[in-house]
């Protein structure tokens, strides 16, 4: 089994289980320490699962993820396909049927709250 696959199987983020929305949020990163706190702040209390797929960050991204209790899976890009997001989706470890793909410099929009509240 590939090292990244073994890491993906161990994902747990218990502090995020209190989120209102049963959605997994996947955040690909590489040196996103500047943007990541704002992104994660916008997800707290909303998403039930947040996972970071990182590409060997060297700027503090991993320390921020740890501070927010967000699991990190390292992705070693070898060129070609799959790339980071698709690779993580292919691992079949996300706990929810819905997945939000969010870059670290993006924020969850407030209108997603109303969609979640109206949901099934």
PDB file of N, CA and C in Angstrom:
ATOM      1  N   UNK A   1       0.851  -1.180   0.000  1.00  0.00           N
ATOM      2  CA  UNK A   1       0.000   0.000   0.000  1.00  0.00           C
ATOM      3  C   UNK A   1       0.892   1.236   0.000  1.00  0.00           C
ATOM      4  N   UNK A   2       0.560   2.231  -0.766  1.00  0.00           N
ATOM      5  CA  UNK A   2       1.295   3.481  -0.866  1.00  0.00           C
ATOM      6  C   UNK A   2       1.258   4.210   0.466  1.00  0.00           C
ATOM      7  N   UNK A   3       2.351   4.851   0.853  1.00  0.00           N
ATOM      8  CA  UNK A   3       2.432   5.554   2.132  1.00  0.00           C
ATOM      9  C   UNK A   3       1.301   6.565   2.295  1.00  0.00           C
ATOM     10  N   UNK A   4       0.988   7.282   1.252  1.00  0.00           N
ATOM     11  CA  UNK A   4      -0.095   8.263   1.327  1.00  0.00           C
ATOM     12  C   UNK A   4      -1.442   7.589   1.575  1.00  0.00           C
ATOM     13  N   UNK A   5      -1.651   6.400   1.021  1.00  0.00           N
ATOM     14  CA  UNK A   5      -2.900   5.679   1.253  1.00  0.00           C
ATOM     15  C   UNK A   5      -3.016   5.266   2.713  1.00  0.00           C
ATOM     16  N   UNK A   6      -1.918   4.838   3.311  1.00  0.00           N
ATOM     17  CA  UNK A   6      -1.946   4.459   4.717  1.00  0.00           C
ATOM     18  C   UNK A   6      -2.279   5.668   5.579  1.00  0.00           C
ATOM     19  N   UNK A   7      -1.695   6.828   5.270  1.00  0.00           N
ATOM     20  CA  UNK A   7      -1.999   8.042   6.015  1.00  0.00           C
ATOM     21  C   UNK A   7      -3.473   8.396   5.867  1.00  0.00           C
ATOM     22  N   UNK A   8      -3.998   8.288   4.686  1.00  0.00           N
ATOM     23  CA  UNK A   8      -5.386   8.659   4.434  1.00  0.00           C
ATOM     24  C   UNK A   8      -6.347   7.784   5.223  1.00  0.00           C
ATOM     25  N   UNK A   9      -6.000   6.527   5.430  1.00  0.00           N
ATOM     26  CA  UNK A   9      -6.880   5.627   6.161  1.00  0.00           C
ATOM     27  C   UNK A   9      -6.978   5.987   7.636  1.00  0.00           C
ATOM     28  N   UNK A  10      -6.016   6.718   8.180  1.00  0.00           N
ATOM     29  CA  UNK A  10      -5.990   7.030   9.597  1.00  0.00           C
ATOM     30  C   UNK A  10      -6.640   8.377   9.924  1.00  0.00           C
ATOM     31  N   UNK A  11      -7.269   9.016   8.983  1.00  0.00           N
ATOM     32  CA  UNK A  11      -7.789  10.364   9.202  1.00  0.00           C
ATOM     33  C   UNK A  11      -8.899  10.387  10.239  1.00  0.00           C
ATOM     34  N   UNK A  12      -8.770  11.286  11.169  1.00  0.00           N
ATOM     35  CA  UNK A  12      -9.798  11.521  12.165  1.00  0.00           C
ATOM     36  C   UNK A  12      -9.670  12.976  12.579  1.00  0.00           C
ATOM     37  N   UNK A  13     -10.751  13.655  12.710  1.00  0.00           N
ATOM     38  CA  UNK A  13     -10.718  15.023  13.200  1.00  0.00           C
ATOM     39  C   UNK A  13     -11.874  15.234  14.167  1.00  0.00           C
ATOM     40  N   UNK A  14     -11.757  14.726  15.403  1.00  0.00           N
ATOM     41  CA  UNK A  14     -12.884  14.722  16.329  1.00  0.00           C
ATOM     42  C   UNK A  14     -13.429  16.099  16.668  1.00  0.00           C
ATOM     43  N   UNK A  15     -12.592  17.129  16.709  1.00  0.00           N
ATOM     44  CA  UNK A  15     -13.120  18.444  17.078  1.00  0.00           C
ATOM     45  C   UNK A  15     -14.024  19.016  15.997  1.00  0.00           C
ATOM     46  N   UNK A  16     -13.932  18.505  14.804  1.00  0.00           N
ATOM     47  CA  UNK A  16     -14.770  18.993  13.711  1.00  0.00           C
ATOM     48  C   UNK A  16     -16.106  18.259  13.648  1.00  0.00           C
ATOM     49  N   UNK A  17     -16.296  17.207  14.430  1.00  0.00           N
ATOM     50  CA  UNK A  17     -17.530  16.423  14.394  1.00  0.00           C
ATOM     51  C   UNK A  17     -18.756  17.221  14.830  1.00  0.00           C
ATOM     52  N   UNK A  18     -18.543  18.362  15.436  1.00  0.00           N
ATOM     53  CA  UNK A  18     -19.659  19.168  15.931  1.00  0.00           C
ATOM     54  C   UNK A  18     -20.236  20.097  14.863  1.00  0.00           C
ATOM     55  N   UNK A  19     -19.700  20.078  13.666  1.00  0.00           N
ATOM     56  CA  UNK A  19     -20.197  20.944  12.593  1.00  0.00           C
ATOM     57  C   UNK A  19     -21.652  20.659  12.265  1.00  0.00           C
ATOM     58  N   UNK A  20     -22.347  21.679  11.805  1.00  0.00           N
ATOM     59  CA  UNK A  20     -23.771  21.557  11.488  1.00  0.00           C
ATOM     60  C   UNK A  20     -24.021  20.817  10.187  1.00  0.00           C
ATOM     61  N   UNK A  21     -23.083  20.891   9.280  1.00  0.00           N
ATOM     62  CA  UNK A  21     -23.303  20.373   7.930  1.00  0.00           C
ATOM     63  C   UNK A  21     -22.514  19.083   7.714  1.00  0.00           C
ATOM     64  N   UNK A  22     -23.202  18.044   7.296  1.00  0.00           N
ATOM     65  CA  UNK A  22     -22.537  16.768   7.044  1.00  0.00           C
ATOM     66  C   UNK A  22     -21.839  16.812   5.697  1.00  0.00           C
ATOM     67  N   UNK A  23     -20.703  17.475   5.700  1.00  0.00           N
ATOM     68  CA  UNK A  23     -19.920  17.648   4.483  1.00  0.00           C
ATOM     69  C   UNK A  23     -18.449  17.466   4.832  1.00  0.00           C
ATOM     70  N   UNK A  24     -17.704  16.902   3.906  1.00  0.00           N
ATOM     71  CA  UNK A  24     -16.252  16.807   4.026  1.00  0.00           C
ATOM     72  C   UNK A  24     -15.657  17.940   3.206  1.00  0.00           C
ATOM     73  N   UNK A  25     -14.730  18.681   3.800  1.00  0.00           N
ATOM     74  CA  UNK A  25     -14.059  19.764   3.098  1.00  0.00           C
ATOM     75  C   UNK A  25     -12.626  19.341   2.845  1.00  0.00           C
ATOM     76  N   UNK A  26     -12.230  19.413   1.615  1.00  0.00           N
ATOM     77  CA  UNK A  26     -10.900  19.021   1.183  1.00  0.00           C
ATOM     78  C   UNK A  26     -10.144  20.278   0.763  1.00  0.00           C
ATOM     79  N   UNK A  27      -9.007  20.529   1.419  1.00  0.00           N
ATOM     80  CA  UNK A  27      -8.223  21.738   1.139  1.00  0.00           C
ATOM     81  C   UNK A  27      -6.823  21.327   0.679  1.00  0.00           C
ATOM     82  N   UNK A  28      -6.510  21.497  -0.601  1.00  0.00           N
ATOM     83  CA  UNK A  28      -5.155  21.233  -1.069  1.00  0.00           C
ATOM     84  C   UNK A  28      -4.247  22.406  -0.699  1.00  0.00           C
ATOM     85  N   UNK A  29      -3.044  22.103  -0.223  1.00  0.00           N
ATOM     86  CA  UNK A  29      -2.140  23.182   0.185  1.00  0.00           C
ATOM     87  C   UNK A  29      -0.718  22.941  -0.276  1.00  0.00           C
ATOM     88  N   UNK A  30      -0.002  24.024  -0.370  1.00  0.00           N
ATOM     89  CA  UNK A  30       1.456  24.087  -0.473  1.00  0.00           C
ATOM     90  C   UNK A  30       1.833  25.503  -0.068  1.00  0.00           C
ATOM     91  N   UNK A  31       2.451  25.604   1.097  1.00  0.00           N
ATOM     92  CA  UNK A  31       2.893  26.896   1.628  1.00  0.00           C
ATOM     93  C   UNK A  31       1.742  27.909   1.690  1.00  0.00           C
ATOM     94  N   UNK A  32       0.701  27.538   2.419  1.00  0.00           N
ATOM     95  CA  UNK A  32      -0.499  28.370   2.546  1.00  0.00           C
ATOM     96  C   UNK A  32      -0.680  28.931   3.962  1.00  0.00           C
ATOM     97  N   UNK A  33       0.404  29.075   4.717  1.00  0.00           N
ATOM     98  CA  UNK A  33       0.302  29.567   6.097  1.00  0.00           C
ATOM     99  C   UNK A  33      -0.368  30.939   6.165  1.00  0.00           C
ATOM    100  N   UNK A  34      -0.173  31.738   5.169  1.00  0.00           N
ATOM    101  CA  UNK A  34      -0.763  33.083   5.151  1.00  0.00           C
ATOM    102  C   UNK A  34      -2.287  33.040   5.035  1.00  0.00           C
ATOM    103  N   UNK A  35      -2.822  32.084   4.282  1.00  0.00           N
ATOM    104  CA  UNK A  35      -4.256  32.031   3.996  1.00  0.00           C
ATOM    105  C   UNK A  35      -5.045  31.042   4.847  1.00  0.00           C
ATOM    106  N   UNK A  36      -4.393  29.999   5.317  1.00  0.00           N
ATOM    107  CA  UNK A  36      -5.097  28.880   5.931  1.00  0.00           C
ATOM    108  C   UNK A  36      -5.915  29.233   7.185  1.00  0.00           C
ATOM    109  N   UNK A  37      -5.416  30.051   8.108  1.00  0.00           N
ATOM    110  CA  UNK A  37      -6.226  30.337   9.303  1.00  0.00           C
ATOM    111  C   UNK A  37      -7.588  30.951   8.974  1.00  0.00           C
ATOM    112  N   UNK A  38      -7.623  31.868   8.066  1.00  0.00           N
ATOM    113  CA  UNK A  38      -8.892  32.510   7.679  1.00  0.00           C
ATOM    114  C   UNK A  38      -9.853  31.490   7.062  1.00  0.00           C
ATOM    115  N   UNK A  39      -9.324  30.616   6.239  1.00  0.00           N
ATOM    116  CA  UNK A  39     -10.131  29.574   5.607  1.00  0.00           C
ATOM    117  C   UNK A  39     -10.717  28.639   6.661  1.00  0.00           C
ATOM    118  N   UNK A  40      -9.876  28.173   7.585  1.00  0.00           N
ATOM    119  CA  UNK A  40     -10.330  27.245   8.617  1.00  0.00           C
ATOM    120  C   UNK A  40     -11.293  27.907   9.598  1.00  0.00           C
ATOM    121  N   UNK A  41     -11.054  29.172   9.923  1.00  0.00           N
ATOM    122  CA  UNK A  41     -11.982  29.898  10.805  1.00  0.00           C
ATOM    123  C   UNK A  41     -13.390  29.915  10.212  1.00  0.00           C
ATOM    124  N   UNK A  42     -13.471  30.092   8.909  1.00  0.00           N
ATOM    125  CA  UNK A  42     -14.780  30.161   8.237  1.00  0.00           C
ATOM    126  C   UNK A  42     -15.491  28.805   8.228  1.00  0.00           C
ATOM    127  N   UNK A  43     -14.757  27.731   8.449  1.00  0.00           N
ATOM    128  CA  UNK A  43     -15.352  26.392   8.417  1.00  0.00           C
ATOM    129  C   UNK A  43     -15.744  25.874   9.797  1.00  0.00           C
ATOM    130  N   UNK A  44     -15.168  26.450  10.852  1.00  0.00           N
ATOM    131  CA  UNK A  44     -15.452  25.951  12.199  1.00  0.00           C
ATOM    132  C   UNK A  44     -16.929  26.099  12.535  1.00  0.00           C
ATOM    133  N   UNK A  45     -17.482  25.038  13.097  1.00  0.00           N
ATOM    134  CA  UNK A  45     -18.893  25.029  13.455  1.00  0.00           C
ATOM    135  C   UNK A  45     -19.813  24.738  12.280  1.00  0.00           C
ATOM    136  N   UNK A  46     -19.260  24.606  11.094  1.00  0.00           N
ATOM    137  CA  UNK A  46     -20.072  24.356   9.910  1.00  0.00           C
ATOM    138  C   UNK A  46     -19.805  22.982   9.333  1.00  0.00           C
ATOM    139  N   UNK A  47     -18.555  22.688   9.008  1.00  0.00           N
ATOM    140  CA  UNK A  47     -18.206  21.405   8.385  1.00  0.00           C
ATOM    141  C   UNK A  47     -17.943  20.350   9.447  1.00  0.00           C
ATOM    142  N   UNK A  48     -18.340  19.134   9.154  1.00  0.00           N
ATOM    143  CA  UNK A  48     -18.083  18.030  10.085  1.00  0.00           C
ATOM    144  C   UNK A  48     -16.738  17.365   9.851  1.00  0.00           C
ATOM    145  N   UNK A  49     -16.153  17.577   8.689  1.00  0.00           N
ATOM    146  CA  UNK A  49     -14.848  16.970   8.410  1.00  0.00           C
ATOM    147  C   UNK A  49     -14.049  17.918   7.529  1.00  0.00           C
ATOM    148  N   UNK A  50     -12.815  18.164   7.920  1.00  0.00           N
ATOM    149  CA  UNK A  50     -11.901  18.981   7.128  1.00  0.00           C
ATOM    150  C   UNK A  50     -10.590  18.217   7.024  1.00  0.00           C
ATOM    151  N   UNK A  51     -10.089  18.109   5.813  1.00  0.00           N
ATOM    152  CA  UNK A  51      -8.831  17.407   5.564  1.00  0.00           C
ATOM    153  C   UNK A  51      -7.961  18.274   4.667  1.00  0.00           C
ATOM    154  N   UNK A  52      -6.703  18.367   5.023  1.00  0.00           N
ATOM    155  CA  UNK A  52      -5.731  19.090   4.204  1.00  0.00           C
ATOM    156  C   UNK A  52      -4.873  18.068   3.464  1.00  0.00           C
ATOM    157  N   UNK A  53      -4.731  18.273   2.172  1.00  0.00           N
ATOM    158  CA  UNK A  53      -3.827  17.457   1.359  1.00  0.00           C
ATOM    159  C   UNK A  53      -2.689  18.380   0.956  1.00  0.00           C
ATOM    160  N   UNK A  54      -1.530  18.126   1.520  1.00  0.00           N
ATOM    161  CA  UNK A  54      -0.402  19.042   1.406  1.00  0.00           C
ATOM    162  C   UNK A  54       0.677  18.492   0.482  1.00  0.00           C
ATOM    163  N   UNK A  55       1.420  19.404  -0.111  1.00  0.00           N
ATOM    164  CA  UNK A  55       2.553  19.037  -0.968  1.00  0.00           C
ATOM    165  C   UNK A  55       3.843  19.613  -0.385  1.00  0.00           C
ATOM    166  N   UNK A  56       4.281  19.035   0.713  1.00  0.00           N
ATOM    167  CA  UNK A  56       5.561  19.362   1.343  1.00  0.00           C
ATOM    168  C   UNK A  56       5.730  20.856   1.652  1.00  0.00           C
ATOM    169  N   UNK A  57       4.762  21.434   2.338  1.00  0.00           N
ATOM    170  CA  UNK A  57       4.866  22.837   2.741  1.00  0.00           C
ATOM    171  C   UNK A  57       6.051  23.043   3.672  1.00  0.00           C
ATOM    172  N   UNK A  58       6.650  24.229   3.578  1.00  0.00           N
ATOM    173  CA  UNK A  58       7.810  24.564   4.404  1.00  0.00           C
ATOM    174  C   UNK A  58       7.604  25.861   5.181  1.00  0.00           C
ATOM    175  N   UNK A  59       6.390  26.384   5.198  1.00  0.00           N
ATOM    176  CA  UNK A  59       6.163  27.729   5.740  1.00  0.00           C
ATOM    177  C   UNK A  59       5.324  27.797   7.013  1.00  0.00           C
ATOM    178  N   UNK A  60       4.982  26.714   7.628  1.00  0.00           N
ATOM    179  CA  UNK A  60       4.131  26.760   8.805  1.00  0.00           C
ATOM    180  C   UNK A  60       2.719  26.261   8.561  1.00  0.00           C
ATOM    181  N   UNK A  61       2.417  25.880   7.360  1.00  0.00           N
ATOM    182  CA  UNK A  61       1.092  25.341   7.041  1.00  0.00           C
ATOM    183  C   UNK A  61       0.747  24.158   7.939  1.00  0.00           C
ATOM    184  N   UNK A  62       1.687  23.263   8.154  1.00  0.00           N
ATOM    185  CA  UNK A  62       1.425  22.064   8.947  1.00  0.00           C
ATOM    186  C   UNK A  62       1.174  22.399  10.417  1.00  0.00           C
ATOM    187  N   UNK A  63       1.890  23.373  10.943  1.00  0.00           N
ATOM    188  CA  UNK A  63       1.674  23.794  12.331  1.00  0.00           C
ATOM    189  C   UNK A  63       0.285  24.397  12.501  1.00  0.00           C
ATOM    190  N   UNK A  64      -0.167  25.132  11.520  1.00  0.00           N
ATOM    191  CA  UNK A  64      -1.512  25.719  11.574  1.00  0.00           C
ATOM    192  C   UNK A  64      -2.558  24.612  11.539  1.00  0.00           C
ATOM    193  N   UNK A  65      -2.388  23.655  10.661  1.00  0.00           N
ATOM    194  CA  UNK A  65      -3.333  22.531  10.593  1.00  0.00           C
ATOM    195  C   UNK A  65      -3.385  21.804  11.934  1.00  0.00           C
ATOM    196  N   UNK A  66      -2.238  21.592  12.540  1.00  0.00           N
ATOM    197  CA  UNK A  66      -2.194  20.921  13.839  1.00  0.00           C
ATOM    198  C   UNK A  66      -2.911  21.751  14.906  1.00  0.00           C
ATOM    199  N   UNK A  67      -2.714  23.049  14.898  1.00  0.00           N
ATOM    200  CA  UNK A  67      -3.368  23.924  15.872  1.00  0.00           C
ATOM    201  C   UNK A  67      -4.892  23.869  15.741  1.00  0.00           C
ATOM    202  N   UNK A  68      -5.377  23.673  14.539  1.00  0.00           N
ATOM    203  CA  UNK A  68      -6.820  23.577  14.286  1.00  0.00           C
ATOM    204  C   UNK A  68      -7.314  22.121  14.373  1.00  0.00           C
ATOM    205  N   UNK A  69      -6.435  21.213  14.688  1.00  0.00           N
ATOM    206  CA  UNK A  69      -6.765  19.785  14.772  1.00  0.00           C
ATOM    207  C   UNK A  69      -7.318  19.243  13.451  1.00  0.00           C
ATOM    208  N   UNK A  70      -6.703  19.660  12.369  1.00  0.00           N
ATOM    209  CA  UNK A  70      -7.096  19.211  11.033  1.00  0.00           C
ATOM    210  C   UNK A  70      -6.067  18.196  10.546  1.00  0.00           C
ATOM    211  N   UNK A  71      -6.506  17.009  10.173  1.00  0.00           N
ATOM    212  CA  UNK A  71      -5.554  16.011   9.670  1.00  0.00           C
ATOM    213  C   UNK A  71      -4.949  16.439   8.332  1.00  0.00           C
ATOM    214  N   UNK A  72      -3.684  16.075   8.166  1.00  0.00           N
ATOM    215  CA  UNK A  72      -2.945  16.402   6.947  1.00  0.00           C
ATOM    216  C   UNK A  72      -2.444  15.112   6.319  1.00  0.00           C
ATOM    217  N   UNK A  73      -2.660  14.993   5.030  1.00  0.00           N
ATOM    218  CA  UNK A  73      -2.109  13.891   4.250  1.00  0.00           C
ATOM    219  C   UNK A  73      -1.117  14.513   3.271  1.00  0.00           C
ATOM    220  N   UNK A  74       0.093  13.960   3.234  1.00  0.00           N
ATOM    221  CA  UNK A  74       1.094  14.461   2.301  1.00  0.00           C
ATOM    222  C   UNK A  74       0.900  13.794   0.941  1.00  0.00           C
ATOM    223  N   UNK A  75       0.956  14.608  -0.085  1.00  0.00           N
ATOM    224  CA  UNK A  75       0.811  14.136  -1.457  1.00  0.00           C
ATOM    225  C   UNK A  75       2.102  14.421  -2.203  1.00  0.00           C
ATOM    226  N   UNK A  76       2.685  13.404  -2.780  1.00  0.00           N
ATOM    227  CA  UNK A  76       3.903  13.554  -3.568  1.00  0.00           C
ATOM    228  C   UNK A  76       3.535  13.528  -5.040  1.00  0.00           C
ATOM    229  N   UNK A  77       3.500  14.681  -5.660  1.00  0.00           N
ATOM    230  CA  UNK A  77       3.124  14.767  -7.063  1.00  0.00           C
ATOM    231  C   UNK A  77       4.245  14.226  -7.935  1.00  0.00           C
ATOM    232  N   UNK A  78       3.924  13.238  -8.737  1.00  0.00           N
ATOM    233  CA  UNK A  78       4.895  12.600  -9.613  1.00  0.00           C
ATOM    234  C   UNK A  78       4.729  13.023 -11.070  1.00  0.00           C
ATOM    235  N   UNK A  79       3.915  14.019 -11.308  1.00  0.00           N
ATOM    236  CA  UNK A  79       3.608  14.414 -12.673  1.00  0.00           C
ATOM    237  C   UNK A  79       2.453  13.582 -13.203  1.00  0.00           C
ATOM    238  N   UNK A  80       1.753  14.088 -14.154  1.00  0.00           N
ATOM    239  CA  UNK A  80       0.637  13.332 -14.723  1.00  0.00           C
ATOM    240  C   UNK A  80      -0.588  13.327 -13.831  1.00  0.00           C
ATOM    241  N   UNK A  81      -1.333  12.254 -13.919  1.00  0.00           N
ATOM    242  CA  UNK A  81      -2.619  12.131 -13.231  1.00  0.00           C
ATOM    243  C   UNK A  81      -2.529  11.014 -12.206  1.00  0.00           C
ATOM    244  N   UNK A  82      -3.184  11.024 -11.067  1.00  0.00           N
ATOM    245  CA  UNK A  82      -4.062  12.085 -10.590  1.00  0.00           C
ATOM    246  C   UNK A  82      -3.284  13.174  -9.869  1.00  0.00           C
ATOM    247  N   UNK A  83      -3.898  14.323  -9.858  1.00  0.00           N
ATOM    248  CA  UNK A  83      -3.345  15.414  -9.069  1.00  0.00           C
ATOM    249  C   UNK A  83      -3.959  15.351  -7.681  1.00  0.00           C
ATOM    250  N   UNK A  84      -3.580  16.292  -6.853  1.00  0.00           N
ATOM    251  CA  UNK A  84      -3.882  16.254  -5.426  1.00  0.00           C
ATOM    252  C   UNK A  84      -5.349  16.031  -5.082  1.00  0.00           C
ATOM    253  N   UNK A  85      -6.236  16.836  -5.608  1.00  0.00           N
ATOM    254  CA  UNK A  85      -7.659  16.717  -5.267  1.00  0.00           C
ATOM    255  C   UNK A  85      -8.239  15.375  -5.706  1.00  0.00           C
ATOM    256  N   UNK A  86      -7.989  15.011  -6.935  1.00  0.00           N
ATOM    257  CA  UNK A  86      -8.524  13.756  -7.448  1.00  0.00           C
ATOM    258  C   UNK A  86      -7.954  12.561  -6.698  1.00  0.00           C
ATOM    259  N   UNK A  87      -6.663  12.629  -6.382  1.00  0.00           N
ATOM    260  CA  UNK A  87      -6.047  11.540  -5.636  1.00  0.00           C
ATOM    261  C   UNK A  87      -6.767  11.328  -4.299  1.00  0.00           C
ATOM    262  N   UNK A  88      -7.044  12.426  -3.584  1.00  0.00           N
ATOM    263  CA  UNK A  88      -7.700  12.295  -2.289  1.00  0.00           C
ATOM    264  C   UNK A  88      -9.119  11.762  -2.434  1.00  0.00           C
ATOM    265  N   UNK A  89      -9.837  12.214  -3.433  1.00  0.00           N
ATOM    266  CA  UNK A  89     -11.180  11.688  -3.668  1.00  0.00           C
ATOM    267  C   UNK A  89     -11.138  10.198  -3.984  1.00  0.00           C
ATOM    268  N   UNK A  90     -10.118   9.772  -4.695  1.00  0.00           N
ATOM    269  CA  UNK A  90      -9.977   8.358  -5.056  1.00  0.00           C
ATOM    270  C   UNK A  90      -9.667   7.461  -3.861  1.00  0.00           C
ATOM    271  N   UNK A  91      -9.189   8.020  -2.758  1.00  0.00           N
ATOM    272  CA  UNK A  91      -8.828   7.219  -1.583  1.00  0.00           C
ATOM    273  C   UNK A  91     -10.051   6.673  -0.858  1.00  0.00           C
ATOM    274  N   UNK A  92     -11.207   7.234  -1.092  1.00  0.00           N
ATOM    275  CA  UNK A  92     -12.455   6.765  -0.493  1.00  0.00           C
ATOM    276  C   UNK A  92     -12.396   6.717   1.040  1.00  0.00           C
ATOM    277  N   UNK A  93     -11.855   7.771   1.638  1.00  0.00           N
ATOM    278  CA  UNK A  93     -11.789   7.848   3.101  1.00  0.00           C
ATOM    279  C   UNK A  93     -12.645   8.976   3.670  1.00  0.00           C
ATOM    280  N   UNK A  94     -13.225   9.781   2.816  1.00  0.00           N
ATOM    281  CA  UNK A  94     -14.053  10.883   3.302  1.00  0.00           C
ATOM    282  C   UNK A  94     -15.319  10.319   3.918  1.00  0.00           C
ATOM    283  N   UNK A  95     -15.744  10.894   5.022  1.00  0.00           N
ATOM    284  CA  UNK A  95     -16.844  10.317   5.795  1.00  0.00           C
ATOM    285  C   UNK A  95     -18.234  10.734   5.337  1.00  0.00           C
ATOM    286  N   UNK A  96     -18.327  11.727   4.485  1.00  0.00           N
ATOM    287  CA  UNK A  96     -19.643  12.238   4.110  1.00  0.00           C
ATOM    288  C   UNK A  96     -19.875  12.140   2.610  1.00  0.00           C
ATOM    289  N   UNK A  97     -21.146  12.105   2.229  1.00  0.00           N
ATOM    290  CA  UNK A  97     -21.503  11.981   0.822  1.00  0.00           C
ATOM    291  C   UNK A  97     -21.171  13.236   0.023  1.00  0.00           C
ATOM    292  N   UNK A  98     -21.183  14.384   0.679  1.00  0.00           N
ATOM    293  CA  UNK A  98     -20.910  15.657   0.018  1.00  0.00           C
ATOM    294  C   UNK A  98     -19.497  16.101   0.341  1.00  0.00           C
ATOM    295  N   UNK A  99     -18.788  16.595  -0.685  1.00  0.00           N
ATOM    296  CA  UNK A  99     -17.428  17.098  -0.509  1.00  0.00           C
ATOM    297  C   UNK A  99     -17.339  18.490  -1.106  1.00  0.00           C
ATOM    298  N   UNK A 100     -16.782  19.417  -0.320  1.00  0.00           N
ATOM    299  CA  UNK A 100     -16.519  20.769  -0.789  1.00  0.00           C
ATOM    300  C   UNK A 100     -15.020  20.879  -1.022  1.00  0.00           C
ATOM    301  N   UNK A 101     -14.613  21.179  -2.246  1.00  0.00           N
ATOM    302  CA  UNK A 101     -13.211  21.396  -2.580  1.00  0.00           C
ATOM    303  C   UNK A 101     -12.939  22.883  -2.436  1.00  0.00           C
ATOM    304  N   UNK A 102     -12.046  23.219  -1.523  1.00  0.00           N
ATOM    305  CA  UNK A 102     -11.833  24.626  -1.176  1.00  0.00           C
ATOM    306  C   UNK A 102     -10.342  24.902  -1.138  1.00  0.00           C
ATOM    307  N   UNK A 103      -9.877  25.890  -1.891  1.00  0.00           N
ATOM    308  CA  UNK A 103      -8.483  26.302  -1.797  1.00  0.00           C
ATOM    309  C   UNK A 103      -8.300  27.116  -0.521  1.00  0.00           C
ATOM    310  N   UNK A 104      -7.086  27.152  -0.005  1.00  0.00           N
ATOM    311  CA  UNK A 104      -6.820  27.833   1.265  1.00  0.00           C
ATOM    312  C   UNK A 104      -7.068  29.333   1.183  1.00  0.00           C
ATOM    313  N   UNK A 105      -7.031  29.895  -0.005  1.00  0.00           N
ATOM    314  CA  UNK A 105      -7.302  31.329  -0.130  1.00  0.00           C
ATOM    315  C   UNK A 105      -8.774  31.613  -0.437  1.00  0.00           C
ATOM    316  N   UNK A 106      -9.612  30.606  -0.297  1.00  0.00           N
ATOM    317  CA  UNK A 106     -11.050  30.759  -0.494  1.00  0.00           C
ATOM    318  C   UNK A 106     -11.762  30.611   0.843  1.00  0.00           C
ATOM    319  N   UNK A 107     -12.952  31.188   0.932  1.00  0.00           N
ATOM    320  CA  UNK A 107     -13.756  31.101   2.149  1.00  0.00           C
ATOM    321  C   UNK A 107     -15.100  30.479   1.829  1.00  0.00           C
ATOM    322  N   UNK A 108     -15.655  29.793   2.827  1.00  0.00           N
ATOM    323  CA  UNK A 108     -17.012  29.267   2.693  1.00  0.00           C
ATOM    324  C   UNK A 108     -17.958  30.460   2.627  1.00  0.00           C
ATOM    325  N   UNK A 109     -18.840  30.419   1.660  1.00  0.00           N
ATOM    326  CA  UNK A 109     -19.786  31.519   1.477  1.00  0.00           C
ATOM    327  C   UNK A 109     -20.937  31.392   2.461  1.00  0.00           C
ATOM    328  N   UNK A 110     -21.425  32.514   2.908  1.00  0.00           N
ATOM    329  CA  UNK A 110     -22.530  32.533   3.861  1.00  0.00           C
ATOM    330  C   UNK A 110     -23.800  31.911   3.289  1.00  0.00           C
ATOM    331  N   UNK A 111     -23.989  31.984   1.966  1.00  0.00           N
ATOM    332  CA  UNK A 111     -25.215  31.409   1.410  1.00  0.00           C
ATOM    333  C   UNK A 111     -25.228  29.882   1.505  1.00  0.00           C
ATOM    334  N   UNK A 112     -24.070  29.268   1.767  1.00  0.00           N
ATOM    335  CA  UNK A 112     -24.074  27.827   1.997  1.00  0.00           C
ATOM    336  C   UNK A 112     -24.790  27.485   3.300  1.00  0.00           C
ATOM    337  N   UNK A 113     -24.791  28.416   4.228  1.00  0.00           N
ATOM    338  CA  UNK A 113     -25.510  28.187   5.481  1.00  0.00           C
ATOM    339  C   UNK A 113     -26.992  28.020   5.202  1.00  0.00           C
ATOM    340  N   UNK A 114     -27.564  28.887   4.376  1.00  0.00           N
ATOM    341  CA  UNK A 114     -28.996  28.787   4.104  1.00  0.00           C
ATOM    342  C   UNK A 114     -29.316  27.519   3.314  1.00  0.00           C
ATOM    343  N   UNK A 115     -28.426  27.090   2.436  1.00  0.00           N
ATOM    344  CA  UNK A 115     -28.647  25.833   1.711  1.00  0.00           C
ATOM    345  C   UNK A 115     -28.668  24.681   2.701  1.00  0.00           C
ATOM    346  N   UNK A 116     -27.732  24.672   3.627  1.00  0.00           N
ATOM    347  CA  UNK A 116     -27.652  23.608   4.618  1.00  0.00           C
ATOM    348  C   UNK A 116     -28.904  23.615   5.494  1.00  0.00           C
ATOM    349  N   UNK A 117     -29.386  24.781   5.883  1.00  0.00           N
ATOM    350  CA  UNK A 117     -30.555  24.868   6.748  1.00  0.00           C
ATOM    351  C   UNK A 117     -31.826  24.410   6.039  1.00  0.00           C
ATOM    352  N   UNK A 118     -31.894  24.592   4.721  1.00  0.00           N
ATOM    353  CA  UNK A 118     -33.065  24.177   3.957  1.00  0.00           C
ATOM    354  C   UNK A 118     -32.986  22.718   3.546  1.00  0.00           C
ATOM    355  N   UNK A 119     -31.807  22.124   3.679  1.00  0.00           N
ATOM    356  CA  UNK A 119     -31.524  20.779   3.173  1.00  0.00           C
ATOM    357  C   UNK A 119     -32.566  19.724   3.475  1.00  0.00           C
ATOM    358  N   UNK A 120     -32.276  18.503   3.056  1.00  0.00           N
ATOM    359  CA  UNK A 120     -33.237  17.404   3.187  1.00  0.00           C
ATOM    360  C   UNK A 120     -33.555  17.044   4.624  1.00  0.00           C
TER     361      UNK A 120
END
